[in-house]
Protein backbone atom coordinates (compact mmCIF):
# COMPACT_ATOMS: atom_id res chain seq x y z
CA MET A 1 112.60 87.44 109.32
CA LEU A 2 113.12 90.35 106.56
CA PRO A 3 115.92 90.85 105.55
CA ALA A 4 118.63 93.62 107.16
CA ALA A 5 118.86 95.19 103.37
CA GLN A 6 117.37 95.29 100.49
CA THR A 7 118.98 97.25 97.73
CA LEU A 8 117.48 98.79 94.82
CA ASP A 9 117.99 96.68 91.75
CA LEU A 10 119.24 99.40 89.07
CA PRO A 11 120.33 98.52 85.37
CA VAL A 12 123.90 98.87 84.33
CA PRO A 13 124.42 101.96 82.72
CA LYS A 14 124.25 101.27 78.66
CA PRO A 15 126.09 104.11 76.38
CA GLY A 16 124.21 106.50 74.88
CA ARG A 17 122.89 110.13 75.08
CA THR A 18 122.64 112.12 78.19
CA TRP A 19 119.29 112.17 80.02
CA ARG A 20 117.95 115.90 81.19
CA ILE A 21 116.20 116.67 84.12
CA ALA A 22 114.20 119.07 85.13
CA LEU A 23 113.93 119.25 89.36
CA ALA A 24 111.05 120.89 90.71
CA GLY A 25 111.99 121.68 94.30
CA TYR A 26 115.65 121.76 96.32
CA GLY A 27 114.89 120.99 99.82
CA VAL A 28 116.20 118.05 101.05
CA VAL A 29 115.73 115.75 98.92
CA GLY A 30 116.10 117.63 95.71
CA GLN A 31 119.57 118.27 97.58
CA ALA A 32 120.19 114.94 98.34
CA LEU A 33 119.16 113.51 94.22
CA ALA A 34 121.84 116.47 93.03
CA ARG A 35 124.58 114.66 95.13
CA ARG A 36 123.75 111.41 94.10
CA LEU A 37 123.52 112.25 90.70
CA GLU A 38 127.20 113.51 90.43
CA ARG A 39 128.00 109.92 91.02
CA GLU A 40 125.45 108.91 88.13
CA PRO A 41 126.68 108.50 84.51
CA GLY A 42 123.89 109.70 81.57
CA PHE A 43 121.57 112.34 83.56
CA GLU A 44 122.36 115.55 84.06
CA ILE A 45 120.06 118.22 86.11
CA ALA A 46 119.22 120.79 83.51
CA ALA A 47 116.60 123.25 85.60
CA ILE A 48 115.53 123.58 88.94
CA LEU A 49 112.39 125.04 90.25
CA VAL A 50 112.01 126.93 93.40
CA ARG A 51 110.09 129.03 95.56
CA ASP A 52 112.84 131.37 96.74
CA PRO A 53 115.65 131.55 94.52
CA ALA A 54 117.87 133.19 97.12
CA ARG A 55 117.95 131.03 100.15
CA GLU A 56 120.75 129.50 100.98
CA ARG A 57 121.04 125.75 100.19
CA SER A 58 123.84 123.57 101.84
CA VAL A 59 124.20 121.35 98.07
CA ALA A 60 125.51 123.88 95.53
CA PRO A 61 123.14 123.65 92.94
CA PRO A 62 124.14 122.24 89.37
CA CYS A 63 122.68 124.76 87.56
CA PRO A 64 121.06 128.18 88.28
CA VAL A 65 117.54 127.69 90.18
CA SER A 66 114.45 129.96 89.38
CA SER A 67 110.79 130.32 90.14
CA ASP A 68 109.53 131.28 86.79
CA ARG A 69 107.19 128.17 86.22
CA ALA A 70 106.70 128.62 82.19
CA ALA A 71 110.47 128.99 81.77
CA PHE A 72 110.86 125.88 83.70
CA LEU A 73 108.64 124.28 81.58
CA ALA A 74 109.90 124.80 78.21
CA THR A 75 113.17 123.63 79.64
CA ASP A 76 114.69 121.51 76.86
CA ALA A 77 114.91 118.04 79.35
CA ASP A 78 113.29 114.92 78.81
CA ILE A 79 112.55 114.13 82.51
CA LEU A 80 110.24 116.01 85.39
CA VAL A 81 111.20 114.99 89.04
CA ASP A 82 108.96 116.24 91.58
CA VAL A 83 110.00 116.52 94.88
CA LEU A 84 108.21 119.38 95.97
CA SER A 85 106.01 120.04 99.03
CA CYS A 86 103.26 121.99 97.18
CA ASP A 87 101.13 119.21 96.10
CA SER A 88 99.18 121.32 94.42
CA THR A 89 102.10 122.59 92.13
CA GLY A 90 103.68 119.34 91.95
CA GLU A 91 100.22 118.23 90.32
CA GLY A 92 99.88 120.82 87.71
CA LEU A 93 104.05 120.24 86.46
CA SER A 94 103.07 116.70 86.03
CA ILE A 95 99.85 117.25 84.32
CA GLU A 96 101.18 119.77 81.84
CA TRP A 97 104.93 117.41 81.54
CA LEU A 98 103.07 114.16 80.66
CA ALA A 99 100.71 116.14 78.24
CA THR A 100 103.63 116.85 75.96
CA GLY A 101 104.83 112.79 75.87
CA ARG A 102 107.74 113.30 78.01
CA HIS A 103 108.53 111.43 81.41
CA VAL A 104 107.42 112.07 84.95
CA VAL A 105 109.58 110.53 88.19
CA SER A 106 107.60 111.72 91.54
CA ALA A 107 108.25 111.00 95.07
CA SER A 108 104.65 112.93 95.73
CA LYS A 109 102.66 109.98 97.19
CA ARG A 110 99.49 112.56 97.94
CA VAL A 111 99.67 113.69 93.82
CA VAL A 112 100.52 110.15 92.31
CA ALA A 113 97.53 109.29 95.10
CA ARG A 114 94.79 111.86 94.21
CA SER A 115 95.13 112.26 90.88
CA HIS A 116 96.26 108.38 89.09
CA ALA A 117 93.69 107.95 87.38
CA ARG A 118 94.00 111.48 85.50
CA LEU A 119 98.01 110.89 85.12
CA ALA A 120 97.49 107.51 84.11
CA ALA A 121 95.32 108.21 80.96
CA LEU A 122 97.76 110.87 79.90
CA VAL A 123 100.77 108.42 80.06
CA ALA A 124 98.28 106.11 77.37
CA GLU A 125 97.74 109.43 75.35
CA SER A 126 100.91 110.81 75.27
CA GLY A 127 103.34 107.86 75.32
CA GLY A 128 104.91 109.91 78.64
CA THR A 129 106.22 107.64 81.52
CA LEU A 130 104.92 108.13 85.36
CA ARG A 131 107.48 106.67 87.98
CA TYR A 132 106.78 106.86 91.81
CA ALA A 133 108.76 104.14 93.61
CA ALA A 134 110.08 106.77 95.45
CA ALA A 135 106.99 108.01 97.02
CA VAL A 136 106.39 104.70 98.83
CA GLY A 137 108.99 103.30 100.78
CA GLY A 138 112.23 105.30 100.31
CA ALA A 139 115.31 103.11 99.91
CA ALA A 140 112.91 99.41 100.38
CA PRO A 141 111.22 98.79 97.19
CA VAL A 142 108.00 98.10 98.20
CA LEU A 143 105.69 98.68 94.85
CA GLU A 144 108.79 96.54 93.13
CA THR A 145 108.26 94.11 95.63
CA VAL A 146 104.56 93.88 95.53
CA ALA A 147 104.76 94.03 91.34
CA SER A 148 106.96 90.93 91.94
CA ALA A 149 104.53 88.83 94.57
CA ARG A 150 101.28 89.99 91.56
CA ALA A 151 103.22 88.37 88.64
CA ALA A 152 104.01 84.98 90.67
CA GLY A 153 99.82 84.60 91.70
CA GLY A 154 97.40 86.88 93.27
CA ILE A 155 98.05 88.52 96.42
CA VAL A 156 96.20 87.81 99.52
CA GLU A 157 97.80 90.79 101.61
CA VAL A 158 100.08 92.94 102.33
CA THR A 159 101.38 94.07 105.50
CA ALA A 160 104.26 97.34 105.35
CA VAL A 161 105.93 99.32 107.76
CA LEU A 162 105.35 102.86 105.48
CA ASN A 163 106.61 105.85 106.87
CA GLY A 164 109.98 106.04 108.53
CA THR A 165 109.12 109.04 110.80
CA VAL A 166 106.87 107.52 112.97
CA ASN A 167 109.13 104.11 113.14
CA PHE A 168 111.78 106.06 114.17
CA VAL A 169 109.39 107.51 117.43
CA LEU A 170 107.97 104.70 117.78
CA ASP A 171 111.42 103.39 118.67
CA ARG A 172 112.67 106.01 120.68
CA LEU A 173 109.98 105.13 122.92
CA ALA A 174 110.50 101.69 123.43
CA GLN A 175 113.90 102.74 124.48
CA GLY A 176 112.06 105.08 126.99
CA SER A 177 111.92 108.91 125.48
CA ASP A 178 109.33 111.05 125.81
CA PHE A 179 107.05 112.04 122.70
CA GLU A 180 108.01 115.16 122.85
CA THR A 181 112.12 114.20 122.53
CA ALA A 182 111.40 111.61 119.68
CA LEU A 183 109.79 113.86 117.46
CA ALA A 184 112.68 116.59 118.23
CA GLU A 185 115.28 113.87 117.58
CA ALA A 186 113.31 112.58 113.96
CA ARG A 187 113.32 116.24 113.09
CA ALA A 188 117.27 116.83 114.09
CA ALA A 189 117.96 113.56 112.09
CA GLY A 190 116.16 115.19 108.98
CA PHE A 191 113.52 112.05 109.26
CA ALA A 192 110.84 114.71 110.29
CA GLU A 193 108.91 118.22 109.03
CA GLU A 194 108.43 120.66 111.48
CA ASP A 195 104.77 120.29 111.03
CA SER A 196 104.56 116.01 110.96
CA SER A 197 100.89 115.91 111.41
CA SER A 198 100.57 113.85 108.12
CA ASP A 199 103.13 111.54 109.49
CA LEU A 200 101.78 111.26 113.11
CA GLU A 201 97.95 110.87 112.19
CA GLY A 202 98.40 107.86 109.65
CA HIS A 203 97.65 110.61 106.30
CA ASP A 204 101.07 109.80 104.86
CA ALA A 205 101.02 106.07 105.49
CA ALA A 206 97.39 105.81 103.86
CA ALA A 207 98.33 107.58 100.82
CA LYS A 208 101.35 105.22 100.26
CA LEU A 209 99.25 102.56 100.77
CA LYS A 210 96.62 103.43 98.53
CA LEU A 211 99.51 102.95 96.08
CA VAL A 212 100.25 100.09 96.92
CA ALA A 213 96.28 99.16 96.46
CA ALA A 214 97.05 100.25 92.65
CA GLU A 215 99.96 98.16 91.98
CA ALA A 216 98.47 94.82 93.83
CA PHE A 217 94.65 95.30 92.85
CA GLY A 218 94.47 97.95 90.11
CA ASP A 219 92.92 100.02 92.36
CA ASP A 220 92.32 103.73 91.98
CA PRO A 221 94.16 104.59 94.39
CA ALA A 222 91.83 108.12 94.92
CA THR A 223 89.11 105.43 95.38
CA VAL A 224 90.51 103.29 98.11
CA ALA A 225 89.81 104.06 101.75
CA VAL A 226 92.14 103.84 104.42
CA ARG A 227 91.35 103.60 108.42
CA THR A 228 93.98 105.55 110.16
CA GLU A 229 94.95 105.73 114.08
CA ALA A 230 96.97 108.55 115.29
CA LEU A 231 100.39 108.69 117.66
CA ASP A 232 99.45 111.91 119.82
CA PRO A 233 101.41 112.44 123.27
CA GLU A 234 98.90 110.68 125.47
CA PHE A 235 98.99 107.37 123.66
CA ALA A 236 102.62 107.76 123.17
CA ALA A 237 102.89 108.14 126.99
CA ARG A 238 100.73 104.49 127.51
CA ILE A 239 103.13 103.02 124.96
CA LYS A 240 106.90 104.88 126.33
CA GLY A 241 109.01 101.51 127.14
CA THR A 242 107.05 98.84 124.85
CA ARG A 243 107.96 98.59 121.40
CA TRP A 244 105.08 99.48 118.82
CA ILE A 245 104.85 99.67 115.00
CA GLN A 246 102.59 101.44 112.94
CA VAL A 247 101.21 98.98 110.60
CA SER A 248 100.01 99.57 107.39
CA ARG A 249 97.81 96.56 106.11
CA LEU A 250 95.60 95.66 102.94
CA SER A 251 93.64 92.90 101.50
CA ARG A 252 90.29 92.95 99.63
CA ASP A 253 88.64 93.42 102.71
CA GLY A 254 89.80 96.47 103.52
CA ALA A 255 92.78 98.94 104.07
CA GLU A 256 93.92 100.68 107.85
CA VAL A 257 96.92 101.76 109.42
CA ALA A 258 97.19 101.54 113.19
CA LEU A 259 99.02 101.33 115.91
CA ARG A 260 100.06 97.48 116.91
CA PRO A 261 102.91 95.83 119.41
CA ALA A 262 105.46 94.49 118.00
CA ALA A 263 104.38 91.05 118.93
CA ASN A 264 101.78 90.92 117.15
CA ALA A 265 101.55 93.53 114.23
CA GLY A 266 103.08 90.54 111.89
CA ILE A 267 106.32 92.20 110.81
CA PRO A 268 109.19 92.24 112.44
CA ALA A 269 109.88 95.86 114.60
CA LEU A 270 113.14 97.16 112.76
CA PRO A 271 114.88 100.26 114.09
CA GLY A 272 115.25 103.81 113.45
CA GLU A 273 113.23 105.18 110.22
CA TRP A 274 113.38 102.03 107.93
CA ASN A 275 110.59 100.95 106.04
CA ALA A 276 109.43 97.09 105.26
CA ALA A 277 107.00 95.04 103.67
CA ARG A 278 105.57 91.58 103.90
CA VAL A 279 103.38 90.38 100.43
CA THR A 280 101.52 86.94 100.71
CA THR A 281 100.11 85.66 97.98
CA ARG A 282 97.09 82.88 97.28
CA ASP A 283 99.63 79.87 97.23
CA GLY A 284 101.51 81.25 100.13
CA GLN A 285 104.71 82.58 98.57
CA VAL A 286 106.21 85.77 100.82
CA PHE A 287 107.82 88.48 99.22
CA GLN A 288 109.74 90.72 101.39
CA CYS A 289 111.77 93.77 101.57
CA ALA A 290 113.34 96.33 103.69
CA GLY A 291 115.09 100.26 103.59
CA ARG A 292 115.66 103.02 105.11
CA GLY A 293 112.35 104.79 104.45
CA ALA A 294 112.96 108.34 105.45
CA GLY A 295 115.58 111.24 104.88
CA GLY A 296 116.62 112.42 101.40
CA ALA A 297 119.54 110.06 100.80
CA PRO A 298 116.72 106.58 100.57
CA THR A 299 114.70 108.73 98.46
CA ALA A 300 117.11 109.74 96.20
CA GLU A 301 117.95 106.15 95.75
CA ALA A 302 114.56 105.12 95.00
CA ILE A 303 114.49 107.74 92.08
CA ILE A 304 117.86 106.80 91.03
CA GLY A 305 116.25 103.61 90.11
CA ASP A 306 113.25 105.44 88.57
CA LEU A 307 115.34 107.59 86.44
CA CYS A 308 116.92 104.24 85.54
CA ARG A 309 114.11 102.31 84.22
CA VAL A 310 112.64 105.53 82.32
CA ARG A 311 116.23 105.68 80.22
CA ASP A 312 116.55 101.47 79.66
CA ALA A 313 112.75 101.12 79.23
CA ALA A 314 113.49 104.32 76.47
CA ARG A 315 115.90 102.08 74.23
CA CYS A 316 114.04 98.71 74.77
C-alpha cells in the first residue's frame, strides 16, 4: 500500500549568500512559487519574464515583470526557473543559460524530454546544473524514488500515476460525474488547462515517463517510444461509475500510458489529483512514493526541492 503522503526531503538551510532566481513565467505555477519563496530563506526572485506585462495577476510579483528576453538573459541571477507554457521559449532560455555555466531548474517535461541530450551536454561542458524533478510528479518525488531504487539494484519495472488532471477526472467519473462535468471541475480547481488534450490523450504522462526512463535506465528521453491511450467522452461514458486509473508503465520491454480498471492496475487508486509511483528492483525490493500531482502549490514545492539541491551541491 502506498503511503498517505510523501514529503520532499529538503536540505536544511545553511548560512550563506542569497541565490538569485530568474523566473521565466508568472502564471499559476510562477505565482505559487513566488508565494512559497516568501517562506524559504536564501533565495530571491531577481527577474520575471512574461509574455504580457500588463496582465493582472493574483499574486503581486516580487520584482518588475518584463517581456524583454535579452534583458532577462542578462540578469545577474544564479538560477533560471522555467515554468513557461511555451516550449520553444523555455528550451531556448535553458540552452542559453546553461551555456554560461549557470543553473537551470525546469518544470517543463516536454522541453527536457525533447532536448535532454543537448542540455546534458551543456551541463558537462559549462559546469552548470540541470534539475527537473518538478517536471515529473509534482509533490510526489518520483525521480528521487527511481534514483534510490536504481542505487539499490537494477530496476525491473516502474508503475506510476503521472498525471494528476486525468486522475482527478477518473476519480470524479467513478463517483458518477459525466465527462464534461468532471473536466470542468478539474479546470475550476486549477488542475487542468482550458486545452487539456495533452493530458487526456496521454501525451503529458508519456513525456514524464520518458524522463523516468532516463533516470531508471540512462536512456535518452527523445529516443523512448511510449504507447498511449486516450480518455475521451465515449470512453468516459463506458466506465462511468467504476474506478479506472491512467497507468504509466516502464520496463526494458517497453513503455506505455494506458487506462486500466483500478482492480488490476498494479498501483492503488489514490483520490483526486494525486500522483504515485511504485518501483521494483531485480532483487524484489519495492520503492514507493505519493503526493499531489497537479496545481501550482505541489509543483512549486518540487521546484523548491530542486533549488535547495542546486544550492547545497554548490557548497560541497
